Amino acid sequence: MTRLVDRLEKTGIVERHPSPGDRRAFRIHVTPKGLESLEKAKKVIMGVNEELRKGFTAEEVESYKKVLKSILERFKAR
């Protein structure tokens, strides 16, 4: 986890702030640049989702979602 936060901090997406109650801990805060990146990512994800749904009926998409949800639930149980 530390490596991931290091990379995000290096790119200016997050900042570390000392935790007031624990000198060993830090709180991670999203920067304005990070929020901007989030909005860009949402647009890309929405576009990908639209492309994936093309050619499928609403019922087929819902069925697929149920299957994926079931798979995720089975992995959580382990």
N, C-alpha and C. Protein backbone atom coordinates (compact mmCIF):
# COMPACT_ATOMS: atom_id res chain seq x y z
N MET A 1 0.81 -1.18 0.00
CA MET A 1 0.00 0.00 0.00
C MET A 1 0.87 1.26 0.00
N THR A 2 1.95 1.19 0.72
CA THR A 2 2.84 2.35 0.81
C THR A 2 3.38 2.74 -0.56
N ARG A 3 3.74 1.74 -1.37
CA ARG A 3 4.26 2.04 -2.70
C ARG A 3 3.22 2.76 -3.55
N LEU A 4 1.98 2.30 -3.46
CA LEU A 4 0.91 2.92 -4.23
C LEU A 4 0.73 4.38 -3.81
N VAL A 5 0.68 4.62 -2.52
CA VAL A 5 0.53 5.99 -2.02
C VAL A 5 1.74 6.83 -2.41
N ASP A 6 2.93 6.23 -2.35
CA ASP A 6 4.14 6.96 -2.78
C ASP A 6 4.00 7.44 -4.22
N ARG A 7 3.54 6.55 -5.10
CA ARG A 7 3.39 6.92 -6.51
C ARG A 7 2.32 7.99 -6.70
N LEU A 8 1.20 7.84 -5.98
CA LEU A 8 0.13 8.84 -6.09
C LEU A 8 0.60 10.19 -5.56
N GLU A 9 1.37 10.17 -4.50
CA GLU A 9 1.89 11.42 -3.93
C GLU A 9 2.90 12.06 -4.89
N LYS A 10 3.74 11.24 -5.50
CA LYS A 10 4.75 11.76 -6.43
C LYS A 10 4.10 12.45 -7.63
N THR A 11 2.95 11.96 -8.06
CA THR A 11 2.25 12.57 -9.20
C THR A 11 1.33 13.71 -8.79
N GLY A 12 1.22 13.96 -7.48
CA GLY A 12 0.41 15.09 -7.01
C GLY A 12 -1.07 14.78 -6.86
N ILE A 13 -1.43 13.51 -6.86
CA ILE A 13 -2.84 13.12 -6.76
C ILE A 13 -3.30 13.08 -5.30
N VAL A 14 -2.37 12.72 -4.40
CA VAL A 14 -2.69 12.72 -2.96
C VAL A 14 -1.57 13.39 -2.19
N GLU A 15 -1.88 13.73 -0.95
CA GLU A 15 -0.89 14.27 -0.01
C GLU A 15 -1.01 13.51 1.30
N ARG A 16 0.12 13.33 1.95
CA ARG A 16 0.12 12.72 3.29
C ARG A 16 0.12 13.84 4.32
N HIS A 17 -0.69 13.65 5.36
CA HIS A 17 -0.70 14.58 6.49
C HIS A 17 -0.56 13.76 7.76
N PRO A 18 0.24 14.22 8.71
CA PRO A 18 0.40 13.47 9.95
C PRO A 18 -0.95 13.30 10.66
N SER A 19 -1.13 12.15 11.25
CA SER A 19 -2.34 11.90 12.03
C SER A 19 -2.19 12.58 13.39
N PRO A 20 -3.17 13.36 13.80
CA PRO A 20 -3.04 14.09 15.06
C PRO A 20 -2.85 13.20 16.29
N GLY A 21 -3.45 12.03 16.27
CA GLY A 21 -3.41 11.18 17.46
C GLY A 21 -2.35 10.10 17.45
N ASP A 22 -1.60 9.97 16.36
CA ASP A 22 -0.64 8.88 16.26
C ASP A 22 0.53 9.32 15.39
N ARG A 23 1.70 9.49 16.00
CA ARG A 23 2.87 9.97 15.25
C ARG A 23 3.31 9.01 14.16
N ARG A 24 2.94 7.73 14.30
CA ARG A 24 3.36 6.74 13.30
C ARG A 24 2.46 6.73 12.07
N ALA A 25 1.30 7.32 12.18
CA ALA A 25 0.30 7.23 11.11
C ALA A 25 0.20 8.52 10.31
N PHE A 26 -0.30 8.36 9.10
CA PHE A 26 -0.56 9.50 8.22
C PHE A 26 -1.98 9.39 7.69
N ARG A 27 -2.55 10.52 7.38
CA ARG A 27 -3.85 10.55 6.70
C ARG A 27 -3.57 10.94 5.26
N ILE A 28 -4.26 10.27 4.37
CA ILE A 28 -4.07 10.53 2.94
C ILE A 28 -5.22 11.41 2.47
N HIS A 29 -4.87 12.52 1.83
CA HIS A 29 -5.86 13.47 1.33
C HIS A 29 -5.75 13.59 -0.19
N VAL A 30 -6.87 13.57 -0.85
CA VAL A 30 -6.90 13.75 -2.30
C VAL A 30 -6.72 15.23 -2.60
N THR A 31 -5.85 15.53 -3.54
CA THR A 31 -5.59 16.92 -3.94
C THR A 31 -6.58 17.36 -5.01
N PRO A 32 -6.63 18.66 -5.29
CA PRO A 32 -7.47 19.12 -6.41
C PRO A 32 -7.11 18.42 -7.72
N LYS A 33 -5.81 18.19 -7.94
CA LYS A 33 -5.39 17.45 -9.14
C LYS A 33 -5.95 16.04 -9.12
N GLY A 34 -5.99 15.42 -7.93
CA GLY A 34 -6.55 14.08 -7.81
C GLY A 34 -8.03 14.06 -8.12
N LEU A 35 -8.76 15.07 -7.67
CA LEU A 35 -10.20 15.15 -7.97
C LEU A 35 -10.43 15.35 -9.46
N GLU A 36 -9.57 16.14 -10.08
CA GLU A 36 -9.67 16.36 -11.52
C GLU A 36 -9.41 15.05 -12.27
N SER A 37 -8.43 14.31 -11.81
CA SER A 37 -8.12 13.01 -12.42
C SER A 37 -9.28 12.04 -12.25
N LEU A 38 -9.93 12.10 -11.11
CA LEU A 38 -11.09 11.25 -10.85
C LEU A 38 -12.19 11.53 -11.85
N GLU A 39 -12.46 12.80 -12.11
CA GLU A 39 -13.51 13.15 -13.06
C GLU A 39 -13.17 12.67 -14.47
N LYS A 40 -11.91 12.79 -14.85
CA LYS A 40 -11.49 12.29 -16.16
C LYS A 40 -11.66 10.78 -16.23
N ALA A 41 -11.28 10.09 -15.16
CA ALA A 41 -11.39 8.63 -15.13
C ALA A 41 -12.85 8.18 -15.21
N LYS A 42 -13.73 8.90 -14.53
CA LYS A 42 -15.16 8.57 -14.58
C LYS A 42 -15.68 8.63 -16.01
N LYS A 43 -15.27 9.66 -16.75
CA LYS A 43 -15.71 9.82 -18.14
C LYS A 43 -15.22 8.65 -19.00
N VAL A 44 -13.98 8.26 -18.80
CA VAL A 44 -13.43 7.14 -19.56
C VAL A 44 -14.18 5.85 -19.22
N ILE A 45 -14.40 5.61 -17.94
CA ILE A 45 -15.09 4.39 -17.50
C ILE A 45 -16.51 4.36 -18.05
N MET A 46 -17.20 5.48 -18.01
CA MET A 46 -18.57 5.52 -18.54
C MET A 46 -18.58 5.22 -20.04
N GLY A 47 -17.59 5.74 -20.75
CA GLY A 47 -17.49 5.46 -22.19
C GLY A 47 -17.24 3.99 -22.47
N VAL A 48 -16.36 3.40 -21.69
CA VAL A 48 -16.07 1.97 -21.85
C VAL A 48 -17.32 1.15 -21.56
N ASN A 49 -18.02 1.49 -20.48
CA ASN A 49 -19.25 0.77 -20.14
C ASN A 49 -20.28 0.87 -21.25
N GLU A 50 -20.41 2.03 -21.86
CA GLU A 50 -21.35 2.21 -22.97
C GLU A 50 -20.97 1.31 -24.14
N GLU A 51 -19.68 1.26 -24.46
CA GLU A 51 -19.21 0.41 -25.56
C GLU A 51 -19.48 -1.07 -25.27
N LEU A 52 -19.24 -1.47 -24.02
CA LEU A 52 -19.45 -2.87 -23.64
C LEU A 52 -20.92 -3.28 -23.75
N ARG A 53 -21.82 -2.35 -23.49
CA ARG A 53 -23.25 -2.65 -23.50
C ARG A 53 -23.85 -2.67 -24.90
N LYS A 54 -23.15 -2.10 -25.87
CA LYS A 54 -23.70 -2.05 -27.23
C LYS A 54 -24.00 -3.46 -27.73
N GLY A 55 -25.17 -3.61 -28.34
CA GLY A 55 -25.55 -4.90 -28.91
C GLY A 55 -26.23 -5.83 -27.93
N PHE A 56 -26.33 -5.43 -26.66
CA PHE A 56 -26.99 -6.24 -25.65
C PHE A 56 -28.28 -5.57 -25.20
N THR A 57 -29.26 -6.37 -24.89
CA THR A 57 -30.50 -5.81 -24.35
C THR A 57 -30.29 -5.47 -22.88
N ALA A 58 -31.19 -4.68 -22.33
CA ALA A 58 -31.12 -4.33 -20.90
C ALA A 58 -31.21 -5.59 -20.05
N GLU A 59 -32.01 -6.56 -20.48
CA GLU A 59 -32.16 -7.81 -19.73
C GLU A 59 -30.85 -8.61 -19.74
N GLU A 60 -30.16 -8.63 -20.87
CA GLU A 60 -28.90 -9.34 -20.94
C GLU A 60 -27.85 -8.69 -20.05
N VAL A 61 -27.82 -7.38 -20.03
CA VAL A 61 -26.87 -6.67 -19.17
C VAL A 61 -27.16 -6.98 -17.71
N GLU A 62 -28.43 -6.97 -17.32
CA GLU A 62 -28.80 -7.27 -15.94
C GLU A 62 -28.43 -8.70 -15.56
N SER A 63 -28.64 -9.64 -16.47
CA SER A 63 -28.27 -11.04 -16.21
C SER A 63 -26.77 -11.17 -15.98
N TYR A 64 -26.00 -10.48 -16.80
CA TYR A 64 -24.55 -10.52 -16.67
C TYR A 64 -24.11 -9.92 -15.33
N LYS A 65 -24.74 -8.82 -14.95
CA LYS A 65 -24.42 -8.19 -13.66
C LYS A 65 -24.68 -9.15 -12.51
N LYS A 66 -25.77 -9.90 -12.59
CA LYS A 66 -26.09 -10.87 -11.54
C LYS A 66 -25.02 -11.95 -11.45
N VAL A 67 -24.56 -12.43 -12.61
CA VAL A 67 -23.51 -13.45 -12.62
C VAL A 67 -22.24 -12.89 -12.00
N LEU A 68 -21.83 -11.69 -12.39
CA LEU A 68 -20.62 -11.08 -11.83
C LEU A 68 -20.75 -10.88 -10.32
N LYS A 69 -21.91 -10.42 -9.88
CA LYS A 69 -22.13 -10.20 -8.45
C LYS A 69 -22.02 -11.53 -7.70
N SER A 70 -22.56 -12.58 -8.27
CA SER A 70 -22.50 -13.90 -7.65
C SER A 70 -21.05 -14.37 -7.52
N ILE A 71 -20.26 -14.16 -8.56
CA ILE A 71 -18.84 -14.54 -8.53
C ILE A 71 -18.11 -13.77 -7.43
N LEU A 72 -18.36 -12.46 -7.35
CA LEU A 72 -17.71 -11.65 -6.31
C LEU A 72 -18.10 -12.11 -4.91
N GLU A 73 -19.36 -12.44 -4.72
CA GLU A 73 -19.83 -12.90 -3.41
C GLU A 73 -19.14 -14.21 -3.02
N ARG A 74 -18.96 -15.09 -3.98
CA ARG A 74 -18.28 -16.37 -3.69
C ARG A 74 -16.84 -16.16 -3.27
N PHE A 75 -16.15 -15.20 -3.89
CA PHE A 75 -14.76 -14.93 -3.52
C PHE A 75 -14.67 -14.26 -2.16
N LYS A 76 -15.66 -13.46 -1.79
CA LYS A 76 -15.67 -12.82 -0.48
C LYS A 76 -15.79 -13.85 0.64
N ALA A 77 -16.49 -14.94 0.36
CA ALA A 77 -16.75 -15.96 1.37
C ALA A 77 -15.47 -16.70 1.76
N ARG A 78 -14.43 -16.63 0.96
CA ARG A 78 -13.20 -17.39 1.25
C ARG A 78 -12.33 -16.73 2.25
